[in-house]
Amino acid sequence: MQNLENLQFEELKSKLEMRILDVDFLKLLNLQNIFDCIFLSF
């Protein structure tokens, strides 16, 4: 029983980490877009 719980926890953790990575990636893309806009307007 304990093993199953551990497995589910690990799975949840990895999903969370992926979610966090996605968010970071999106932030990065947004920053890139903002910079592009700024440079294009000059």
PDB file of N, CA and C in Angstrom:
ATOM      1  N   MET A   1       0.843  -1.211   0.000  1.00  0.00           N
ATOM      2  CA  MET A   1       0.000   0.000   0.000  1.00  0.00           C
ATOM      3  C   MET A   1       0.874   1.254   0.000  1.00  0.00           C
ATOM      4  N   GLN A   2       1.866   1.233   0.831  1.00  0.00           N
ATOM      5  CA  GLN A   2       2.774   2.373   0.920  1.00  0.00           C
ATOM      6  C   GLN A   2       3.451   2.638  -0.426  1.00  0.00           C
ATOM      7  N   ASN A   3       3.793   1.550  -1.098  1.00  0.00           N
ATOM      8  CA  ASN A   3       4.458   1.671  -2.389  1.00  0.00           C
ATOM      9  C   ASN A   3       3.596   2.397  -3.410  1.00  0.00           C
ATOM     10  N   LEU A   4       2.336   2.039  -3.409  1.00  0.00           N
ATOM     11  CA  LEU A   4       1.401   2.641  -4.357  1.00  0.00           C
ATOM     12  C   LEU A   4       1.299   4.144  -4.106  1.00  0.00           C
ATOM     13  N   GLU A   5       1.208   4.517  -2.853  1.00  0.00           N
ATOM     14  CA  GLU A   5       1.123   5.933  -2.494  1.00  0.00           C
ATOM     15  C   GLU A   5       2.371   6.674  -2.943  1.00  0.00           C
ATOM     16  N   ASN A   6       3.503   6.066  -2.732  1.00  0.00           N
ATOM     17  CA  ASN A   6       4.765   6.676  -3.146  1.00  0.00           C
ATOM     18  C   ASN A   6       4.799   6.888  -4.644  1.00  0.00           C
ATOM     19  N   LEU A   7       4.317   5.888  -5.356  1.00  0.00           N
ATOM     20  CA  LEU A   7       4.302   5.954  -6.811  1.00  0.00           C
ATOM     21  C   LEU A   7       3.419   7.110  -7.282  1.00  0.00           C
ATOM     22  N   GLN A   8       2.255   7.211  -6.701  1.00  0.00           N
ATOM     23  CA  GLN A   8       1.324   8.278  -7.073  1.00  0.00           C
ATOM     24  C   GLN A   8       1.915   9.643  -6.742  1.00  0.00           C
ATOM     25  N   PHE A   9       2.588   9.703  -5.621  1.00  0.00           N
ATOM     26  CA  PHE A   9       3.207  10.958  -5.210  1.00  0.00           C
ATOM     27  C   PHE A   9       4.291  11.374  -6.203  1.00  0.00           C
ATOM     28  N   GLU A  10       5.111  10.418  -6.595  1.00  0.00           N
ATOM     29  CA  GLU A  10       6.179  10.698  -7.563  1.00  0.00           C
ATOM     30  C   GLU A  10       5.594  11.188  -8.884  1.00  0.00           C
ATOM     31  N   GLU A  11       4.522  10.541  -9.291  1.00  0.00           N
ATOM     32  CA  GLU A  11       3.869  10.903 -10.546  1.00  0.00           C
ATOM     33  C   GLU A  11       3.342  12.332 -10.470  1.00  0.00           C
ATOM     34  N   LEU A  12       2.706  12.634  -9.372  1.00  0.00           N
ATOM     35  CA  LEU A  12       2.149  13.960  -9.148  1.00  0.00           C
ATOM     36  C   LEU A  12       3.265  15.003  -9.156  1.00  0.00           C
ATOM     37  N   LYS A  13       4.344  14.652  -8.493  1.00  0.00           N
ATOM     38  CA  LYS A  13       5.478  15.566  -8.398  1.00  0.00           C
ATOM     39  C   LYS A  13       6.052  15.874  -9.774  1.00  0.00           C
ATOM     40  N   SER A  14       6.205  14.855 -10.588  1.00  0.00           N
ATOM     41  CA  SER A  14       6.779  15.060 -11.917  1.00  0.00           C
ATOM     42  C   SER A  14       5.831  15.885 -12.796  1.00  0.00           C
ATOM     43  N   LYS A  15       4.534  15.670 -12.624  1.00  0.00           N
ATOM     44  CA  LYS A  15       3.561  16.462 -13.380  1.00  0.00           C
ATOM     45  C   LYS A  15       3.662  17.928 -12.972  1.00  0.00           C
ATOM     46  N   LEU A  16       3.809  18.139 -11.687  1.00  0.00           N
ATOM     47  CA  LEU A  16       3.946  19.489 -11.160  1.00  0.00           C
ATOM     48  C   LEU A  16       5.189  20.156 -11.721  1.00  0.00           C
ATOM     49  N   GLU A  17       6.272  19.411 -11.750  1.00  0.00           N
ATOM     50  CA  GLU A  17       7.525  19.954 -12.260  1.00  0.00           C
ATOM     51  C   GLU A  17       7.393  20.322 -13.728  1.00  0.00           C
ATOM     52  N   MET A  18       6.691  19.482 -14.474  1.00  0.00           N
ATOM     53  CA  MET A  18       6.476  19.768 -15.888  1.00  0.00           C
ATOM     54  C   MET A  18       5.658  21.053 -16.035  1.00  0.00           C
ATOM     55  N   ARG A  19       4.654  21.181 -15.191  1.00  0.00           N
ATOM     56  CA  ARG A  19       3.790  22.366 -15.218  1.00  0.00           C
ATOM     57  C   ARG A  19       4.621  23.620 -14.961  1.00  0.00           C
ATOM     58  N   ILE A  20       5.497  23.524 -13.970  1.00  0.00           N
ATOM     59  CA  ILE A  20       6.355  24.655 -13.608  1.00  0.00           C
ATOM     60  C   ILE A  20       7.283  25.013 -14.763  1.00  0.00           C
ATOM     61  N   LEU A  21       7.833  23.993 -15.398  1.00  0.00           N
ATOM     62  CA  LEU A  21       8.712  24.219 -16.547  1.00  0.00           C
ATOM     63  C   LEU A  21       7.955  24.919 -17.661  1.00  0.00           C
ATOM     64  N   ASP A  22       6.731  24.472 -17.880  1.00  0.00           N
ATOM     65  CA  ASP A  22       5.892  25.073 -18.919  1.00  0.00           C
ATOM     66  C   ASP A  22       5.680  26.557 -18.636  1.00  0.00           C
ATOM     67  N   VAL A  23       5.380  26.857 -17.384  1.00  0.00           N
ATOM     68  CA  VAL A  23       5.129  28.243 -16.992  1.00  0.00           C
ATOM     69  C   VAL A  23       6.379  29.082 -17.218  1.00  0.00           C
ATOM     70  N   ASP A  24       7.527  28.550 -16.820  1.00  0.00           N
ATOM     71  CA  ASP A  24       8.787  29.261 -17.026  1.00  0.00           C
ATOM     72  C   ASP A  24       9.020  29.507 -18.506  1.00  0.00           C
ATOM     73  N   PHE A  25       8.733  28.501 -19.290  1.00  0.00           N
ATOM     74  CA  PHE A  25       8.931  28.605 -20.732  1.00  0.00           C
ATOM     75  C   PHE A  25       8.026  29.687 -21.320  1.00  0.00           C
ATOM     76  N   LEU A  26       6.788  29.709 -20.845  1.00  0.00           N
ATOM     77  CA  LEU A  26       5.833  30.706 -21.328  1.00  0.00           C
ATOM     78  C   LEU A  26       6.272  32.110 -20.941  1.00  0.00           C
ATOM     79  N   LYS A  27       6.768  32.250 -19.722  1.00  0.00           N
ATOM     80  CA  LYS A  27       7.263  33.549 -19.270  1.00  0.00           C
ATOM     81  C   LYS A  27       8.389  34.007 -20.175  1.00  0.00           C
ATOM     82  N   LEU A  28       9.254  33.070 -20.496  1.00  0.00           N
ATOM     83  CA  LEU A  28      10.390  33.364 -21.355  1.00  0.00           C
ATOM     84  C   LEU A  28       9.910  33.841 -22.719  1.00  0.00           C
ATOM     85  N   LEU A  29       8.931  33.140 -23.257  1.00  0.00           N
ATOM     86  CA  LEU A  29       8.377  33.508 -24.564  1.00  0.00           C
ATOM     87  C   LEU A  29       7.762  34.902 -24.506  1.00  0.00           C
ATOM     88  N   ASN A  30       7.054  35.160 -23.424  1.00  0.00           N
ATOM     89  CA  ASN A  30       6.423  36.462 -23.255  1.00  0.00           C
ATOM     90  C   ASN A  30       7.468  37.563 -23.207  1.00  0.00           C
ATOM     91  N   LEU A  31       8.521  37.337 -22.463  1.00  0.00           N
ATOM     92  CA  LEU A  31       9.610  38.304 -22.378  1.00  0.00           C
ATOM     93  C   LEU A  31      10.197  38.551 -23.756  1.00  0.00           C
ATOM     94  N   GLN A  32      10.401  37.471 -24.468  1.00  0.00           N
ATOM     95  CA  GLN A  32      10.960  37.560 -25.816  1.00  0.00           C
ATOM     96  C   GLN A  32      10.062  38.429 -26.698  1.00  0.00           C
ATOM     97  N   ASN A  33       8.778  38.205 -26.598  1.00  0.00           N
ATOM     98  CA  ASN A  33       7.814  38.975 -27.391  1.00  0.00           C
ATOM     99  C   ASN A  33       7.846  40.452 -27.021  1.00  0.00           C
ATOM    100  N   ILE A  34       7.923  40.713 -25.740  1.00  0.00           N
ATOM    101  CA  ILE A  34       7.969  42.096 -25.263  1.00  0.00           C
ATOM    102  C   ILE A  34       9.209  42.790 -25.804  1.00  0.00           C
ATOM    103  N   PHE A  35      10.328  42.103 -25.730  1.00  0.00           N
ATOM    104  CA  PHE A  35      11.573  42.672 -26.246  1.00  0.00           C
ATOM    105  C   PHE A  35      11.471  42.938 -27.741  1.00  0.00           C
ATOM    106  N   ASP A  36      10.899  41.988 -28.445  1.00  0.00           N
ATOM    107  CA  ASP A  36      10.722  42.145 -29.896  1.00  0.00           C
ATOM    108  C   ASP A  36       9.892  43.397 -30.187  1.00  0.00           C
ATOM    109  N   CYS A  37       8.828  43.562 -29.458  1.00  0.00           N
ATOM    110  CA  CYS A  37       7.942  44.709 -29.661  1.00  0.00           C
ATOM    111  C   CYS A  37       8.695  46.010 -29.393  1.00  0.00           C
ATOM    112  N   ILE A  38       9.446  46.031 -28.309  1.00  0.00           N
ATOM    113  CA  ILE A  38      10.205  47.228 -27.947  1.00  0.00           C
ATOM    114  C   ILE A  38      11.208  47.568 -29.042  1.00  0.00           C
ATOM    115  N   PHE A  39      11.933  46.563 -29.493  1.00  0.00           N
ATOM    116  CA  PHE A  39      12.956  46.808 -30.513  1.00  0.00           C
ATOM    117  C   PHE A  39      12.337  47.197 -31.853  1.00  0.00           C
ATOM    118  N   LEU A  40      11.187  46.630 -32.129  1.00  0.00           N
ATOM    119  CA  LEU A  40      10.530  46.928 -33.402  1.00  0.00           C
ATOM    120  C   LEU A  40       9.984  48.353 -33.422  1.00  0.00           C
ATOM    121  N   SER A  41       9.649  48.861 -32.260  1.00  0.00           N
ATOM    122  CA  SER A  41       9.049  50.193 -32.200  1.00  0.00           C
ATOM    123  C   SER A  41      10.094  51.301 -32.303  1.00  0.00           C
ATOM    124  N   PHE A  42      11.371  50.944 -32.195  1.00  0.00           N
ATOM    125  CA  PHE A  42      12.424  51.964 -32.327  1.00  0.00           C
ATOM    126  C   PHE A  42      12.820  52.158 -33.774  1.00  0.00           C
TER     127      PHE A  42
END
